[in-house]
Amino acid sequence: MKKFTFSLGRVLDWRAMQVRIEESALERLYAELRAIDSTEAALTRQRADSERALLAAPVATGAELAALDSFRIFTVTEHTRLEKLRADCSKRIAAQVQLVVVKRRDVRLLEHLRDRRLKTWNQDLNREIDAQADEAYLARFTRNARRSQDRSSQL
């Protein structure tokens, strides 16, 4: 019997490569989201440190209070901008997750088809092996029967 070949093997490989590409795109989006979160955490930490430093100072000038207020306004604006970036990134992540799901489903479908064809091929192979074994047994049996007949006729 000929060796098992899956005619759609190259398609399966190509689709598996597409899954890897889409998964890496998803990982980049998650990295982008982590960077946004990290930036926001750093901004919050800087604001808290500035407020603590000003409160810990024995004397605060009007310029320092104005600078702190300006920084507070900047952080509020920056938090709003980062929140919009986070929402946009979350939407892109959701869309990418759906794309990865579709690509994985395509690969699973081809893998399932390959497995079914391999199972059928194995069944055919086993039938062929059984048929060859039956033929070998019958040939040996026939040969032994002829030998027995030849011996009986010689006596």
N, C-alpha and C. Protein backbone atom coordinates (compact mmCIF):
# COMPACT_ATOMS: atom_id res chain seq x y z
N MET A 1 0.85 -1.18 0.00
CA MET A 1 0.00 0.00 0.00
C MET A 1 0.89 1.23 0.00
N LYS A 2 0.42 2.27 -0.66
CA LYS A 2 1.21 3.49 -0.73
C LYS A 2 1.19 4.25 0.59
N LYS A 3 2.19 5.08 0.77
CA LYS A 3 2.35 5.88 1.97
C LYS A 3 1.19 6.86 2.11
N PHE A 4 0.80 7.16 3.37
CA PHE A 4 -0.29 8.10 3.60
C PHE A 4 0.15 9.50 3.21
N THR A 5 -0.67 10.16 2.42
CA THR A 5 -0.45 11.57 2.09
C THR A 5 -1.78 12.30 2.26
N PHE A 6 -1.66 13.47 2.79
CA PHE A 6 -2.85 14.32 2.96
C PHE A 6 -2.75 15.41 1.91
N SER A 7 -3.66 15.38 0.96
CA SER A 7 -3.57 16.30 -0.18
C SER A 7 -3.69 17.77 0.23
N LEU A 8 -4.31 18.01 1.37
CA LEU A 8 -4.46 19.39 1.84
C LEU A 8 -3.40 19.76 2.89
N GLY A 9 -2.32 19.01 2.93
CA GLY A 9 -1.27 19.25 3.92
C GLY A 9 -0.66 20.63 3.81
N ARG A 10 -0.43 21.08 2.59
CA ARG A 10 0.15 22.42 2.42
C ARG A 10 -0.84 23.50 2.85
N VAL A 11 -2.11 23.26 2.59
CA VAL A 11 -3.14 24.22 3.02
C VAL A 11 -3.18 24.26 4.55
N LEU A 12 -3.10 23.08 5.16
CA LEU A 12 -3.09 23.01 6.62
C LEU A 12 -1.88 23.76 7.18
N ASP A 13 -0.72 23.56 6.59
CA ASP A 13 0.49 24.27 7.05
C ASP A 13 0.32 25.78 6.90
N TRP A 14 -0.24 26.20 5.76
CA TRP A 14 -0.43 27.63 5.50
C TRP A 14 -1.40 28.23 6.52
N ARG A 15 -2.48 27.50 6.78
CA ARG A 15 -3.46 28.02 7.75
C ARG A 15 -2.88 28.04 9.16
N ALA A 16 -2.07 27.05 9.50
CA ALA A 16 -1.42 27.05 10.82
C ALA A 16 -0.47 28.24 10.94
N MET A 17 0.21 28.57 9.84
CA MET A 17 1.09 29.74 9.85
C MET A 17 0.25 31.02 10.04
N GLN A 18 -0.91 31.08 9.40
CA GLN A 18 -1.79 32.25 9.58
C GLN A 18 -2.21 32.38 11.04
N VAL A 19 -2.50 31.26 11.68
CA VAL A 19 -2.87 31.30 13.11
C VAL A 19 -1.73 31.89 13.92
N ARG A 20 -0.51 31.43 13.65
CA ARG A 20 0.65 31.96 14.39
C ARG A 20 0.82 33.46 14.16
N ILE A 21 0.60 33.91 12.92
CA ILE A 21 0.72 35.34 12.61
C ILE A 21 -0.33 36.13 13.38
N GLU A 22 -1.56 35.65 13.37
CA GLU A 22 -2.64 36.37 14.06
C GLU A 22 -2.44 36.33 15.57
N GLU A 23 -1.91 35.22 16.09
CA GLU A 23 -1.64 35.16 17.53
C GLU A 23 -0.53 36.14 17.92
N SER A 24 0.47 36.29 17.05
CA SER A 24 1.53 37.26 17.37
C SER A 24 0.98 38.68 17.30
N ALA A 25 0.06 38.94 16.37
CA ALA A 25 -0.57 40.26 16.32
C ALA A 25 -1.37 40.51 17.60
N LEU A 26 -2.03 39.48 18.09
CA LEU A 26 -2.79 39.59 19.34
C LEU A 26 -1.84 39.87 20.51
N GLU A 27 -0.71 39.20 20.53
CA GLU A 27 0.27 39.44 21.59
C GLU A 27 0.78 40.89 21.55
N ARG A 28 0.98 41.41 20.34
CA ARG A 28 1.42 42.82 20.23
C ARG A 28 0.35 43.76 20.80
N LEU A 29 -0.91 43.45 20.54
CA LEU A 29 -1.98 44.28 21.08
C LEU A 29 -2.02 44.21 22.60
N TYR A 30 -1.83 42.99 23.15
CA TYR A 30 -1.78 42.87 24.61
C TYR A 30 -0.58 43.64 25.18
N ALA A 31 0.54 43.62 24.48
CA ALA A 31 1.71 44.40 24.92
C ALA A 31 1.40 45.89 24.89
N GLU A 32 0.68 46.32 23.86
CA GLU A 32 0.28 47.73 23.77
C GLU A 32 -0.61 48.10 24.95
N LEU A 33 -1.55 47.23 25.29
CA LEU A 33 -2.44 47.49 26.43
C LEU A 33 -1.65 47.54 27.73
N ARG A 34 -0.69 46.63 27.89
CA ARG A 34 0.14 46.66 29.10
C ARG A 34 0.96 47.95 29.17
N ALA A 35 1.44 48.43 28.02
CA ALA A 35 2.21 49.69 27.99
C ALA A 35 1.32 50.86 28.39
N ILE A 36 0.09 50.88 27.93
CA ILE A 36 -0.85 51.94 28.31
C ILE A 36 -1.08 51.90 29.81
N ASP A 37 -1.32 50.71 30.35
CA ASP A 37 -1.53 50.56 31.79
C ASP A 37 -0.30 50.99 32.58
N SER A 38 0.86 50.63 32.07
CA SER A 38 2.11 50.99 32.74
C SER A 38 2.31 52.52 32.73
N THR A 39 2.01 53.14 31.59
CA THR A 39 2.13 54.60 31.49
C THR A 39 1.18 55.27 32.47
N GLU A 40 -0.04 54.77 32.54
CA GLU A 40 -1.02 55.36 33.45
C GLU A 40 -0.60 55.17 34.91
N ALA A 41 -0.07 54.02 35.23
CA ALA A 41 0.38 53.77 36.61
C ALA A 41 1.55 54.70 36.96
N ALA A 42 2.46 54.88 36.01
CA ALA A 42 3.60 55.77 36.26
C ALA A 42 3.12 57.21 36.45
N LEU A 43 2.17 57.63 35.65
CA LEU A 43 1.62 58.99 35.76
C LEU A 43 0.95 59.19 37.11
N THR A 44 0.19 58.21 37.54
CA THR A 44 -0.48 58.29 38.85
C THR A 44 0.55 58.34 39.97
N ARG A 45 1.59 57.52 39.82
CA ARG A 45 2.65 57.49 40.83
C ARG A 45 3.38 58.84 40.88
N GLN A 46 3.66 59.43 39.71
CA GLN A 46 4.36 60.73 39.68
C GLN A 46 3.50 61.81 40.33
N ARG A 47 2.23 61.79 40.06
CA ARG A 47 1.33 62.80 40.65
C ARG A 47 1.30 62.65 42.16
N ALA A 48 1.18 61.42 42.64
CA ALA A 48 1.14 61.19 44.08
C ALA A 48 2.47 61.60 44.72
N ASP A 49 3.59 61.28 44.06
CA ASP A 49 4.90 61.68 44.60
C ASP A 49 5.04 63.19 44.67
N SER A 50 4.56 63.89 43.62
CA SER A 50 4.63 65.36 43.61
C SER A 50 3.80 65.95 44.73
N GLU A 51 2.61 65.41 44.93
CA GLU A 51 1.74 65.93 46.00
C GLU A 51 2.36 65.67 47.36
N ARG A 52 2.91 64.46 47.53
CA ARG A 52 3.55 64.14 48.82
C ARG A 52 4.76 65.03 49.08
N ALA A 53 5.53 65.28 48.04
CA ALA A 53 6.73 66.13 48.20
C ALA A 53 6.33 67.55 48.59
N LEU A 54 5.27 68.05 47.96
CA LEU A 54 4.84 69.41 48.28
C LEU A 54 4.26 69.48 49.69
N LEU A 55 3.51 68.45 50.08
CA LEU A 55 2.93 68.44 51.42
C LEU A 55 4.01 68.24 52.50
N ALA A 56 5.06 67.55 52.15
CA ALA A 56 6.12 67.30 53.13
C ALA A 56 7.03 68.52 53.29
N ALA A 57 7.02 69.41 52.32
CA ALA A 57 7.86 70.61 52.40
C ALA A 57 7.32 71.52 53.50
N PRO A 58 8.23 72.16 54.23
CA PRO A 58 7.78 73.05 55.30
C PRO A 58 7.05 74.28 54.78
N VAL A 59 7.44 74.73 53.60
CA VAL A 59 6.82 75.92 53.03
C VAL A 59 6.55 75.64 51.56
N ALA A 60 5.39 76.04 51.09
CA ALA A 60 5.06 75.89 49.67
C ALA A 60 4.78 77.26 49.09
N THR A 61 5.42 77.57 48.00
CA THR A 61 5.22 78.87 47.37
C THR A 61 4.02 78.79 46.44
N GLY A 62 3.56 79.93 46.02
CA GLY A 62 2.43 80.00 45.09
C GLY A 62 2.80 79.37 43.75
N ALA A 63 4.05 79.55 43.34
CA ALA A 63 4.50 78.98 42.07
C ALA A 63 4.48 77.46 42.13
N GLU A 64 4.89 76.92 43.29
CA GLU A 64 4.88 75.47 43.44
C GLU A 64 3.45 74.93 43.43
N LEU A 65 2.55 75.65 44.11
CA LEU A 65 1.14 75.23 44.10
C LEU A 65 0.55 75.33 42.70
N ALA A 66 0.90 76.36 41.95
CA ALA A 66 0.41 76.52 40.57
C ALA A 66 0.97 75.41 39.69
N ALA A 67 2.25 75.08 39.90
CA ALA A 67 2.86 74.01 39.10
C ALA A 67 2.19 72.67 39.42
N LEU A 68 1.90 72.45 40.69
CA LEU A 68 1.23 71.21 41.09
C LEU A 68 -0.17 71.16 40.48
N ASP A 69 -0.88 72.29 40.48
CA ASP A 69 -2.21 72.32 39.88
C ASP A 69 -2.13 72.09 38.37
N SER A 70 -1.15 72.67 37.73
CA SER A 70 -0.97 72.45 36.29
C SER A 70 -0.67 70.98 36.01
N PHE A 71 0.17 70.38 36.87
CA PHE A 71 0.49 68.97 36.69
C PHE A 71 -0.74 68.10 36.92
N ARG A 72 -1.58 68.48 37.90
CA ARG A 72 -2.82 67.75 38.16
C ARG A 72 -3.73 67.81 36.94
N ILE A 73 -3.87 69.00 36.36
CA ILE A 73 -4.70 69.16 35.16
C ILE A 73 -4.14 68.32 34.01
N PHE A 74 -2.81 68.35 33.87
CA PHE A 74 -2.17 67.54 32.83
C PHE A 74 -2.45 66.05 33.04
N THR A 75 -2.35 65.59 34.30
CA THR A 75 -2.57 64.16 34.56
C THR A 75 -4.01 63.76 34.30
N VAL A 76 -4.95 64.64 34.63
CA VAL A 76 -6.37 64.34 34.34
C VAL A 76 -6.56 64.22 32.83
N THR A 77 -6.02 65.17 32.09
CA THR A 77 -6.13 65.14 30.62
C THR A 77 -5.45 63.89 30.07
N GLU A 78 -4.28 63.59 30.61
CA GLU A 78 -3.52 62.42 30.13
C GLU A 78 -4.25 61.12 30.48
N HIS A 79 -4.87 61.05 31.65
CA HIS A 79 -5.66 59.87 32.02
C HIS A 79 -6.83 59.68 31.05
N THR A 80 -7.47 60.78 30.67
CA THR A 80 -8.57 60.70 29.70
C THR A 80 -8.07 60.18 28.36
N ARG A 81 -6.93 60.72 27.92
CA ARG A 81 -6.35 60.27 26.65
C ARG A 81 -5.97 58.79 26.71
N LEU A 82 -5.37 58.38 27.82
CA LEU A 82 -4.97 56.98 27.98
C LEU A 82 -6.19 56.06 28.06
N GLU A 83 -7.25 56.55 28.68
CA GLU A 83 -8.48 55.75 28.76
C GLU A 83 -9.06 55.52 27.36
N LYS A 84 -9.01 56.55 26.52
CA LYS A 84 -9.47 56.39 25.13
C LYS A 84 -8.58 55.41 24.38
N LEU A 85 -7.27 55.52 24.60
CA LEU A 85 -6.35 54.57 23.97
C LEU A 85 -6.63 53.15 24.44
N ARG A 86 -6.89 52.99 25.73
CA ARG A 86 -7.19 51.68 26.29
C ARG A 86 -8.47 51.11 25.68
N ALA A 87 -9.49 51.94 25.56
CA ALA A 87 -10.76 51.48 24.98
C ALA A 87 -10.56 51.06 23.52
N ASP A 88 -9.80 51.87 22.77
CA ASP A 88 -9.52 51.53 21.37
C ASP A 88 -8.73 50.23 21.28
N CYS A 89 -7.74 50.10 22.13
CA CYS A 89 -6.92 48.89 22.13
C CYS A 89 -7.75 47.67 22.52
N SER A 90 -8.64 47.84 23.47
CA SER A 90 -9.51 46.73 23.89
C SER A 90 -10.42 46.30 22.75
N LYS A 91 -10.93 47.26 21.98
CA LYS A 91 -11.76 46.91 20.82
C LYS A 91 -10.95 46.14 19.79
N ARG A 92 -9.73 46.60 19.55
CA ARG A 92 -8.87 45.90 18.58
C ARG A 92 -8.51 44.51 19.08
N ILE A 93 -8.32 44.37 20.39
CA ILE A 93 -8.03 43.05 20.96
C ILE A 93 -9.23 42.13 20.76
N ALA A 94 -10.43 42.64 21.03
CA ALA A 94 -11.63 41.81 20.85
C ALA A 94 -11.77 41.35 19.40
N ALA A 95 -11.53 42.26 18.46
CA ALA A 95 -11.61 41.90 17.05
C ALA A 95 -10.53 40.89 16.68
N GLN A 96 -9.34 41.07 17.23
CA GLN A 96 -8.23 40.15 16.93
C GLN A 96 -8.50 38.78 17.54
N VAL A 97 -9.08 38.75 18.72
CA VAL A 97 -9.43 37.47 19.35
C VAL A 97 -10.41 36.71 18.46
N GLN A 98 -11.40 37.43 17.93
CA GLN A 98 -12.36 36.78 17.03
C GLN A 98 -11.67 36.24 15.79
N LEU A 99 -10.74 36.99 15.25
CA LEU A 99 -10.00 36.55 14.08
C LEU A 99 -9.17 35.31 14.38
N VAL A 100 -8.52 35.29 15.55
CA VAL A 100 -7.74 34.12 15.94
C VAL A 100 -8.64 32.90 16.11
N VAL A 101 -9.82 33.11 16.68
CA VAL A 101 -10.77 32.00 16.85
C VAL A 101 -11.15 31.42 15.49
N VAL A 102 -11.44 32.29 14.54
CA VAL A 102 -11.81 31.83 13.19
C VAL A 102 -10.65 31.07 12.55
N LYS A 103 -9.45 31.60 12.65
CA LYS A 103 -8.28 30.95 12.05
C LYS A 103 -8.02 29.60 12.71
N ARG A 104 -8.14 29.53 14.04
CA ARG A 104 -7.95 28.25 14.73
C ARG A 104 -9.01 27.23 14.32
N ARG A 105 -10.24 27.70 14.15
CA ARG A 105 -11.31 26.80 13.72
C ARG A 105 -11.01 26.23 12.34
N ASP A 106 -10.49 27.06 11.44
CA ASP A 106 -10.12 26.59 10.11
C ASP A 106 -9.06 25.50 10.19
N VAL A 107 -8.08 25.70 11.06
CA VAL A 107 -7.01 24.71 11.22
C VAL A 107 -7.58 23.42 11.82
N ARG A 108 -8.42 23.54 12.85
CA ARG A 108 -9.02 22.35 13.47
C ARG A 108 -9.85 21.56 12.47
N LEU A 109 -10.55 22.27 11.59
CA LEU A 109 -11.36 21.60 10.57
C LEU A 109 -10.46 20.75 9.66
N LEU A 110 -9.36 21.33 9.21
CA LEU A 110 -8.44 20.58 8.35
C LEU A 110 -7.76 19.44 9.11
N GLU A 111 -7.42 19.68 10.37
CA GLU A 111 -6.82 18.61 11.16
C GLU A 111 -7.80 17.45 11.35
N HIS A 112 -9.05 17.80 11.58
CA HIS A 112 -10.09 16.77 11.74
C HIS A 112 -10.23 15.97 10.44
N LEU A 113 -10.24 16.67 9.32
CA LEU A 113 -10.32 16.00 8.02
C LEU A 113 -9.11 15.09 7.81
N ARG A 114 -7.92 15.59 8.14
CA ARG A 114 -6.71 14.78 8.02
C ARG A 114 -6.78 13.53 8.90
N ASP A 115 -7.26 13.71 10.14
CA ASP A 115 -7.36 12.58 11.06
C ASP A 115 -8.35 11.53 10.54
N ARG A 116 -9.46 12.00 9.99
CA ARG A 116 -10.44 11.05 9.42
C ARG A 116 -9.85 10.30 8.25
N ARG A 117 -9.12 11.00 7.39
CA ARG A 117 -8.50 10.33 6.24
C ARG A 117 -7.41 9.37 6.70
N LEU A 118 -6.67 9.74 7.72
CA LEU A 118 -5.64 8.85 8.24
C LEU A 118 -6.27 7.60 8.85
N LYS A 119 -7.37 7.78 9.53
CA LYS A 119 -8.08 6.63 10.12
C LYS A 119 -8.56 5.69 9.01
N THR A 120 -9.13 6.25 7.97
CA THR A 120 -9.58 5.44 6.83
C THR A 120 -8.39 4.74 6.18
N TRP A 121 -7.28 5.45 6.00
CA TRP A 121 -6.09 4.86 5.41
C TRP A 121 -5.57 3.71 6.26
N ASN A 122 -5.57 3.91 7.59
CA ASN A 122 -5.12 2.83 8.50
C ASN A 122 -6.03 1.62 8.41
N GLN A 123 -7.34 1.85 8.32
CA GLN A 123 -8.28 0.74 8.18
C GLN A 123 -8.02 -0.02 6.88
N ASP A 124 -7.80 0.72 5.79
CA ASP A 124 -7.50 0.08 4.51
C ASP A 124 -6.18 -0.69 4.59
N LEU A 125 -5.20 -0.11 5.25
CA LEU A 125 -3.91 -0.77 5.41
C LEU A 125 -4.08 -2.07 6.20
N ASN A 126 -4.83 -2.02 7.27
CA ASN A 126 -5.06 -3.21 8.08
C ASN A 126 -5.79 -4.29 7.29
N ARG A 127 -6.77 -3.87 6.48
CA ARG A 127 -7.47 -4.84 5.63
C ARG A 127 -6.51 -5.48 4.63
N GLU A 128 -5.65 -4.67 4.05
CA GLU A 128 -4.68 -5.19 3.08
C GLU A 128 -3.71 -6.15 3.76
N ILE A 129 -3.25 -5.81 4.95
CA ILE A 129 -2.34 -6.69 5.69
C ILE A 129 -3.04 -8.00 6.02
N ASP A 130 -4.31 -7.89 6.45
CA ASP A 130 -5.07 -9.11 6.76
C ASP A 130 -5.25 -9.97 5.52
N ALA A 131 -5.54 -9.33 4.39
CA ALA A 131 -5.72 -10.08 3.14
C ALA A 131 -4.41 -10.78 2.74
N GLN A 132 -3.29 -10.09 2.89
CA GLN A 132 -1.99 -10.69 2.56
C GLN A 132 -1.68 -11.84 3.51
N ALA A 133 -2.03 -11.67 4.78
CA ALA A 133 -1.81 -12.74 5.75
C ALA A 133 -2.67 -13.95 5.40
N ASP A 134 -3.93 -13.71 5.02
CA ASP A 134 -4.82 -14.80 4.61
C ASP A 134 -4.26 -15.53 3.40
N GLU A 135 -3.79 -14.76 2.42
CA GLU A 135 -3.22 -15.37 1.22
C GLU A 135 -1.98 -16.19 1.56
N ALA A 136 -1.14 -15.67 2.43
CA ALA A 136 0.07 -16.40 2.82
C ALA A 136 -0.30 -17.69 3.55
N TYR A 137 -1.30 -17.60 4.43
CA TYR A 137 -1.74 -18.79 5.16
C TYR A 137 -2.29 -19.83 4.19
N LEU A 138 -3.15 -19.41 3.28
CA LEU A 138 -3.73 -20.35 2.31
C LEU A 138 -2.66 -20.95 1.41
N ALA A 139 -1.70 -20.14 1.00
CA ALA A 139 -0.63 -20.67 0.16
C ALA A 139 0.18 -21.71 0.93
N ARG A 140 0.49 -21.44 2.18
CA ARG A 140 1.23 -22.40 3.00
C ARG A 140 0.40 -23.66 3.23
N PHE A 141 -0.88 -23.45 3.53
CA PHE A 141 -1.77 -24.59 3.75
C PHE A 141 -1.86 -25.46 2.50
N THR A 142 -2.02 -24.83 1.34
CA THR A 142 -2.10 -25.56 0.07
C THR A 142 -0.79 -26.28 -0.20
N ARG A 143 0.31 -25.65 0.02
CA ARG A 143 1.63 -26.26 -0.19
C ARG A 143 1.80 -27.46 0.74
N ASN A 144 1.41 -27.30 2.00
CA ASN A 144 1.53 -28.41 2.96
C ASN A 144 0.59 -29.55 2.58
N ALA A 145 -0.59 -29.21 2.10
CA ALA A 145 -1.55 -30.25 1.69
C ALA A 145 -1.00 -31.02 0.50
N ARG A 146 -0.40 -30.35 -0.46
CA ARG A 146 0.19 -31.01 -1.62
C ARG A 146 1.35 -31.92 -1.20
N ARG A 147 2.16 -31.46 -0.29
CA ARG A 147 3.26 -32.27 0.20
C ARG A 147 2.74 -33.54 0.86
N SER A 148 1.67 -33.36 1.67
CA SER A 148 1.07 -34.52 2.32
C SER A 148 0.54 -35.50 1.29
N GLN A 149 -0.10 -34.99 0.24
CA GLN A 149 -0.64 -35.84 -0.82
C GLN A 149 0.50 -36.54 -1.55
N ASP A 150 1.55 -35.81 -1.86
CA ASP A 150 2.69 -36.38 -2.56
C ASP A 150 3.34 -37.49 -1.71
N ARG A 151 3.43 -37.31 -0.46
CA ARG A 151 3.99 -38.32 0.42
C ARG A 151 3.09 -39.55 0.50
N SER A 152 1.79 -39.30 0.55
CA SER A 152 0.82 -40.42 0.63
C SER A 152 0.87 -41.23 -0.66
N SER A 153 0.98 -40.55 -1.76
CA SER A 153 0.98 -41.26 -3.05
C SER A 153 2.30 -41.99 -3.25
N GLN A 154 3.36 -41.58 -2.66
CA GLN A 154 4.65 -42.23 -2.80
C GLN A 154 4.69 -43.50 -1.95
N LEU A 155 3.91 -43.56 -0.97
CA LEU A 155 3.91 -44.74 -0.10
C LEU A 155 3.04 -45.76 -0.68
